Amino acid sequence: MEEQRHEYLKVPEVAEILRVARSRAYEMVADGEIPAVKIGRSVRVSRKELDRWLEGHRYTEAARE
């Protein structure tokens, strides 16, 4: 059975993808570091925006200098 991919993720799902604590993922969203939208009382992160965010934060040797 194929895993269903949702277009908008809950913050705990983002935490799991990034392998960070849920509290850290909530902090990153609250600080605007990770782009998110508020739908009613729920906060969601677009999977496409998260992928773009990750690409923009790619680690390189040049970034260390």
PDB file of N, CA and C in Angstrom:
ATOM      1  N   MET A   1       0.840  -1.187   0.000  1.00  0.00           N
ATOM      2  CA  MET A   1       0.000   0.000   0.000  1.00  0.00           C
ATOM      3  C   MET A   1       0.882   1.247   0.000  1.00  0.00           C
ATOM      4  N   GLU A   2       0.568   2.175  -0.849  1.00  0.00           N
ATOM      5  CA  GLU A   2       1.373   3.381  -1.012  1.00  0.00           C
ATOM      6  C   GLU A   2       1.039   4.395   0.084  1.00  0.00           C
ATOM      7  N   GLU A   3       2.075   4.990   0.669  1.00  0.00           N
ATOM      8  CA  GLU A   3       1.882   6.000   1.709  1.00  0.00           C
ATOM      9  C   GLU A   3       1.329   7.274   1.084  1.00  0.00           C
ATOM     10  N   GLN A   4       0.269   7.801   1.690  1.00  0.00           N
ATOM     11  CA  GLN A   4      -0.343   9.031   1.181  1.00  0.00           C
ATOM     12  C   GLN A   4       0.486  10.228   1.624  1.00  0.00           C
ATOM     13  N   ARG A   5       0.809  11.108   0.675  1.00  0.00           N
ATOM     14  CA  ARG A   5       1.564  12.319   0.984  1.00  0.00           C
ATOM     15  C   ARG A   5       0.599  13.486   1.013  1.00  0.00           C
ATOM     16  N   HIS A   6       0.536  14.144   2.148  1.00  0.00           N
ATOM     17  CA  HIS A   6      -0.332  15.306   2.283  1.00  0.00           C
ATOM     18  C   HIS A   6       0.422  16.543   1.808  1.00  0.00           C
ATOM     19  N   GLU A   7      -0.318  17.458   1.189  1.00  0.00           N
ATOM     20  CA  GLU A   7       0.304  18.681   0.705  1.00  0.00           C
ATOM     21  C   GLU A   7       0.692  19.598   1.868  1.00  0.00           C
ATOM     22  N   TYR A   8      -0.119  19.602   2.919  1.00  0.00           N
ATOM     23  CA  TYR A   8       0.167  20.421   4.096  1.00  0.00           C
ATOM     24  C   TYR A   8       0.406  19.512   5.289  1.00  0.00           C
ATOM     25  N   LEU A   9       1.486  19.772   5.990  1.00  0.00           N
ATOM     26  CA  LEU A   9       1.913  18.937   7.108  1.00  0.00           C
ATOM     27  C   LEU A   9       1.613  19.603   8.436  1.00  0.00           C
ATOM     28  N   LYS A  10       1.350  18.802   9.443  1.00  0.00           N
ATOM     29  CA  LYS A  10       1.234  19.289  10.815  1.00  0.00           C
ATOM     30  C   LYS A  10       2.654  19.472  11.340  1.00  0.00           C
ATOM     31  N   VAL A  11       2.806  20.334  12.329  1.00  0.00           N
ATOM     32  CA  VAL A  11       4.144  20.627  12.859  1.00  0.00           C
ATOM     33  C   VAL A  11       4.828  19.362  13.394  1.00  0.00           C
ATOM     34  N   PRO A  12       4.120  18.463  14.097  1.00  0.00           N
ATOM     35  CA  PRO A  12       4.808  17.234  14.523  1.00  0.00           C
ATOM     36  C   PRO A  12       5.315  16.388  13.349  1.00  0.00           C
ATOM     37  N   GLU A  13       4.636  16.441  12.211  1.00  0.00           N
ATOM     38  CA  GLU A  13       5.117  15.731  11.020  1.00  0.00           C
ATOM     39  C   GLU A  13       6.390  16.383  10.496  1.00  0.00           C
ATOM     40  N   VAL A  14       6.434  17.706  10.551  1.00  0.00           N
ATOM     41  CA  VAL A  14       7.643  18.436  10.137  1.00  0.00           C
ATOM     42  C   VAL A  14       8.803  18.056  11.053  1.00  0.00           C
ATOM     43  N   ALA A  15       8.534  17.997  12.354  1.00  0.00           N
ATOM     44  CA  ALA A  15       9.571  17.616  13.317  1.00  0.00           C
ATOM     45  C   ALA A  15      10.120  16.236  12.996  1.00  0.00           C
ATOM     46  N   GLU A  16       9.245  15.323  12.637  1.00  0.00           N
ATOM     47  CA  GLU A  16       9.671  13.967  12.303  1.00  0.00           C
ATOM     48  C   GLU A  16      10.534  13.965  11.040  1.00  0.00           C
ATOM     49  N   ILE A  17      10.129  14.717  10.041  1.00  0.00           N
ATOM     50  CA  ILE A  17      10.894  14.800   8.790  1.00  0.00           C
ATOM     51  C   ILE A  17      12.280  15.385   9.040  1.00  0.00           C
ATOM     52  N   LEU A  18      12.330  16.452   9.845  1.00  0.00           N
ATOM     53  CA  LEU A  18      13.604  17.125  10.119  1.00  0.00           C
ATOM     54  C   LEU A  18      14.423  16.428  11.199  1.00  0.00           C
ATOM     55  N   ARG A  19      13.778  15.479  11.891  1.00  0.00           N
ATOM     56  CA  ARG A  19      14.419  14.761  12.996  1.00  0.00           C
ATOM     57  C   ARG A  19      14.860  15.714  14.093  1.00  0.00           C
ATOM     58  N   VAL A  20      13.930  16.606  14.456  1.00  0.00           N
ATOM     59  CA  VAL A  20      14.143  17.525  15.573  1.00  0.00           C
ATOM     60  C   VAL A  20      12.993  17.328  16.555  1.00  0.00           C
ATOM     61  N   ALA A  21      13.157  17.850  17.748  1.00  0.00           N
ATOM     62  CA  ALA A  21      12.094  17.759  18.752  1.00  0.00           C
ATOM     63  C   ALA A  21      10.870  18.548  18.293  1.00  0.00           C
ATOM     64  N   ARG A  22       9.706  18.091  18.706  1.00  0.00           N
ATOM     65  CA  ARG A  22       8.476  18.803  18.355  1.00  0.00           C
ATOM     66  C   ARG A  22       8.534  20.249  18.825  1.00  0.00           C
ATOM     67  N   SER A  23       9.053  20.465  20.034  1.00  0.00           N
ATOM     68  CA  SER A  23       9.126  21.826  20.565  1.00  0.00           C
ATOM     69  C   SER A  23      10.019  22.698  19.692  1.00  0.00           C
ATOM     70  N   ARG A  24      11.106  22.136  19.176  1.00  0.00           N
ATOM     71  CA  ARG A  24      12.008  22.899  18.296  1.00  0.00           C
ATOM     72  C   ARG A  24      11.315  23.240  16.984  1.00  0.00           C
ATOM     73  N   ALA A  25      10.556  22.298  16.432  1.00  0.00           N
ATOM     74  CA  ALA A  25       9.819  22.564  15.192  1.00  0.00           C
ATOM     75  C   ALA A  25       8.795  23.675  15.418  1.00  0.00           C
ATOM     76  N   TYR A  26       8.090  23.637  16.548  1.00  0.00           N
ATOM     77  CA  TYR A  26       7.129  24.703  16.859  1.00  0.00           C
ATOM     78  C   TYR A  26       7.836  26.050  16.992  1.00  0.00           C
ATOM     79  N   GLU A  27       9.021  26.073  17.619  1.00  0.00           N
ATOM     80  CA  GLU A  27       9.801  27.312  17.744  1.00  0.00           C
ATOM     81  C   GLU A  27      10.185  27.851  16.372  1.00  0.00           C
ATOM     82  N   MET A  28      10.643  26.978  15.495  1.00  0.00           N
ATOM     83  CA  MET A  28      11.079  27.393  14.163  1.00  0.00           C
ATOM     84  C   MET A  28       9.920  27.970  13.360  1.00  0.00           C
ATOM     85  N   VAL A  29       8.746  27.394  13.518  1.00  0.00           N
ATOM     86  CA  VAL A  29       7.556  27.919  12.843  1.00  0.00           C
ATOM     87  C   VAL A  29       7.158  29.258  13.454  1.00  0.00           C
ATOM     88  N   ALA A  30       7.128  29.329  14.781  1.00  0.00           N
ATOM     89  CA  ALA A  30       6.733  30.565  15.468  1.00  0.00           C
ATOM     90  C   ALA A  30       7.673  31.719  15.152  1.00  0.00           C
ATOM     91  N   ASP A  31       8.964  31.422  14.993  1.00  0.00           N
ATOM     92  CA  ASP A  31       9.965  32.451  14.683  1.00  0.00           C
ATOM     93  C   ASP A  31       9.957  32.838  13.204  1.00  0.00           C
ATOM     94  N   GLY A  32       9.173  32.117  12.396  1.00  0.00           N
ATOM     95  CA  GLY A  32       9.122  32.401  10.964  1.00  0.00           C
ATOM     96  C   GLY A  32      10.275  31.795  10.195  1.00  0.00           C
ATOM     97  N   GLU A  33      11.071  30.976  10.859  1.00  0.00           N
ATOM     98  CA  GLU A  33      12.207  30.343  10.195  1.00  0.00           C
ATOM     99  C   GLU A  33      11.709  29.337   9.143  1.00  0.00           C
ATOM    100  N   ILE A  34      10.690  28.588   9.502  1.00  0.00           N
ATOM    101  CA  ILE A  34      10.047  27.659   8.565  1.00  0.00           C
ATOM    102  C   ILE A  34       8.735  28.298   8.143  1.00  0.00           C
ATOM    103  N   PRO A  35       8.492  28.444   6.833  1.00  0.00           N
ATOM    104  CA  PRO A  35       7.251  29.069   6.375  1.00  0.00           C
ATOM    105  C   PRO A  35       6.041  28.194   6.711  1.00  0.00           C
ATOM    106  N   ALA A  36       4.993  28.827   7.235  1.00  0.00           N
ATOM    107  CA  ALA A  36       3.794  28.093   7.627  1.00  0.00           C
ATOM    108  C   ALA A  36       2.567  28.962   7.409  1.00  0.00           C
ATOM    109  N   VAL A  37       1.411  28.318   7.427  1.00  0.00           N
ATOM    110  CA  VAL A  37       0.135  29.028   7.328  1.00  0.00           C
ATOM    111  C   VAL A  37      -0.729  28.608   8.502  1.00  0.00           C
ATOM    112  N   LYS A  38      -1.600  29.510   8.896  1.00  0.00           N
ATOM    113  CA  LYS A  38      -2.524  29.200   9.972  1.00  0.00           C
ATOM    114  C   LYS A  38      -3.898  29.003   9.358  1.00  0.00           C
ATOM    115  N   ILE A  39      -4.507  27.870   9.640  1.00  0.00           N
ATOM    116  CA  ILE A  39      -5.839  27.538   9.154  1.00  0.00           C
ATOM    117  C   ILE A  39      -6.703  27.344  10.389  1.00  0.00           C
ATOM    118  N   GLY A  40      -7.499  28.349  10.682  1.00  0.00           N
ATOM    119  CA  GLY A  40      -8.248  28.309  11.943  1.00  0.00           C
ATOM    120  C   GLY A  40      -7.269  28.363  13.094  1.00  0.00           C
ATOM    121  N   ARG A  41      -7.321  27.360  13.957  1.00  0.00           N
ATOM    122  CA  ARG A  41      -6.397  27.297  15.094  1.00  0.00           C
ATOM    123  C   ARG A  41      -5.207  26.388  14.805  1.00  0.00           C
ATOM    124  N   SER A  42      -5.188  25.794  13.632  1.00  0.00           N
ATOM    125  CA  SER A  42      -4.124  24.855  13.270  1.00  0.00           C
ATOM    126  C   SER A  42      -3.043  25.535  12.438  1.00  0.00           C
ATOM    127  N   VAL A  43      -1.827  25.087  12.628  1.00  0.00           N
ATOM    128  CA  VAL A  43      -0.692  25.581  11.843  1.00  0.00           C
ATOM    129  C   VAL A  43      -0.275  24.457  10.914  1.00  0.00           C
ATOM    130  N   ARG A  44      -0.072  24.791   9.652  1.00  0.00           N
ATOM    131  CA  ARG A  44       0.331  23.799   8.663  1.00  0.00           C
ATOM    132  C   ARG A  44       1.526  24.329   7.867  1.00  0.00           C
ATOM    133  N   VAL A  45       2.340  23.391   7.405  1.00  0.00           N
ATOM    134  CA  VAL A  45       3.519  23.715   6.602  1.00  0.00           C
ATOM    135  C   VAL A  45       3.349  23.029   5.258  1.00  0.00           C
ATOM    136  N   SER A  46       3.452  23.801   4.197  1.00  0.00           N
ATOM    137  CA  SER A  46       3.365  23.248   2.856  1.00  0.00           C
ATOM    138  C   SER A  46       4.577  22.357   2.609  1.00  0.00           C
ATOM    139  N   ARG A  47       4.314  21.148   2.128  1.00  0.00           N
ATOM    140  CA  ARG A  47       5.414  20.233   1.831  1.00  0.00           C
ATOM    141  C   ARG A  47       6.357  20.845   0.788  1.00  0.00           C
ATOM    142  N   LYS A  48       5.798  21.531  -0.214  1.00  0.00           N
ATOM    143  CA  LYS A  48       6.624  22.167  -1.248  1.00  0.00           C
ATOM    144  C   LYS A  48       7.482  23.275  -0.647  1.00  0.00           C
ATOM    145  N   GLU A  49       6.887  24.087   0.244  1.00  0.00           N
ATOM    146  CA  GLU A  49       7.648  25.168   0.897  1.00  0.00           C
ATOM    147  C   GLU A  49       8.733  24.598   1.800  1.00  0.00           C
ATOM    148  N   LEU A  50       8.423  23.506   2.485  1.00  0.00           N
ATOM    149  CA  LEU A  50       9.426  22.879   3.341  1.00  0.00           C
ATOM    150  C   LEU A  50      10.592  22.357   2.500  1.00  0.00           C
ATOM    151  N   ASP A  51      10.283  21.742   1.363  1.00  0.00           N
ATOM    152  CA  ASP A  51      11.344  21.265   0.467  1.00  0.00           C
ATOM    153  C   ASP A  51      12.208  22.418  -0.029  1.00  0.00           C
ATOM    154  N   ARG A  52      11.576  23.538  -0.400  1.00  0.00           N
ATOM    155  CA  ARG A  52      12.336  24.722  -0.852  1.00  0.00           C
ATOM    156  C   ARG A  52      13.194  25.270   0.278  1.00  0.00           C
ATOM    157  N   TRP A  53      12.628  25.311   1.482  1.00  0.00           N
ATOM    158  CA  TRP A  53      13.350  25.805   2.653  1.00  0.00           C
ATOM    159  C   TRP A  53      14.581  24.942   2.904  1.00  0.00           C
ATOM    160  N   LEU A  54      14.401  23.636   2.817  1.00  0.00           N
ATOM    161  CA  LEU A  54      15.526  22.719   3.018  1.00  0.00           C
ATOM    162  C   LEU A  54      16.612  22.928   1.964  1.00  0.00           C
ATOM    163  N   GLU A  55      16.213  23.093   0.717  1.00  0.00           N
ATOM    164  CA  GLU A  55      17.186  23.331  -0.354  1.00  0.00           C
ATOM    165  C   GLU A  55      17.968  24.623  -0.099  1.00  0.00           C
ATOM    166  N   GLY A  56      17.293  25.634   0.408  1.00  0.00           N
ATOM    167  CA  GLY A  56      17.939  26.906   0.696  1.00  0.00           C
ATOM    168  C   GLY A  56      18.873  26.869   1.887  1.00  0.00           C
ATOM    169  N   HIS A  57      18.755  25.826   2.684  1.00  0.00           N
ATOM    170  CA  HIS A  57      19.600  25.689   3.868  1.00  0.00           C
ATOM    171  C   HIS A  57      20.571  24.521   3.746  1.00  0.00           C
ATOM    172  N   ARG A  58      20.865  24.177   2.502  1.00  0.00           N
ATOM    173  CA  ARG A  58      21.783  23.064   2.252  1.00  0.00           C
ATOM    174  C   ARG A  58      23.156  23.412   2.811  1.00  0.00           C
ATOM    175  N   TYR A  59      23.785  22.471   3.505  1.00  0.00           N
ATOM    176  CA  TYR A  59      25.092  22.638   4.095  1.00  0.00           C
ATOM    177  C   TYR A  59      26.168  22.453   3.027  1.00  0.00           C
ATOM    178  N   THR A  60      27.107  23.378   2.987  1.00  0.00           N
ATOM    179  CA  THR A  60      28.250  23.238   2.074  1.00  0.00           C
ATOM    180  C   THR A  60      29.521  23.580   2.838  1.00  0.00           C
ATOM    181  N   GLU A  61      30.618  23.114   2.359  1.00  0.00           N
ATOM    182  CA  GLU A  61      31.924  23.417   2.984  1.00  0.00           C
ATOM    183  C   GLU A  61      32.172  24.924   2.980  1.00  0.00           C
ATOM    184  N   ALA A  62      31.782  25.611   1.921  1.00  0.00           N
ATOM    185  CA  ALA A  62      32.006  27.060   1.807  1.00  0.00           C
ATOM    186  C   ALA A  62      31.245  27.810   2.912  1.00  0.00           C
ATOM    187  N   ALA A  63      30.111  27.274   3.324  1.00  0.00           N
ATOM    188  CA  ALA A  63      29.312  27.943   4.352  1.00  0.00           C
ATOM    189  C   ALA A  63      30.002  27.922   5.706  1.00  0.00           C
ATOM    190  N   ARG A  64      30.904  26.970   5.928  1.00  0.00           N
ATOM    191  CA  ARG A  64      31.599  26.880   7.204  1.00  0.00           C
ATOM    192  C   ARG A  64      32.652  27.955   7.368  1.00  0.00           C
ATOM    193  N   GLU A  65      33.160  28.477   6.281  1.00  0.00           N
ATOM    194  CA  GLU A  65      34.272  29.443   6.342  1.00  0.00           C
ATOM    195  C   GLU A  65      33.796  30.834   6.630  1.00  0.00           C
TER     196      GLU A  65
END
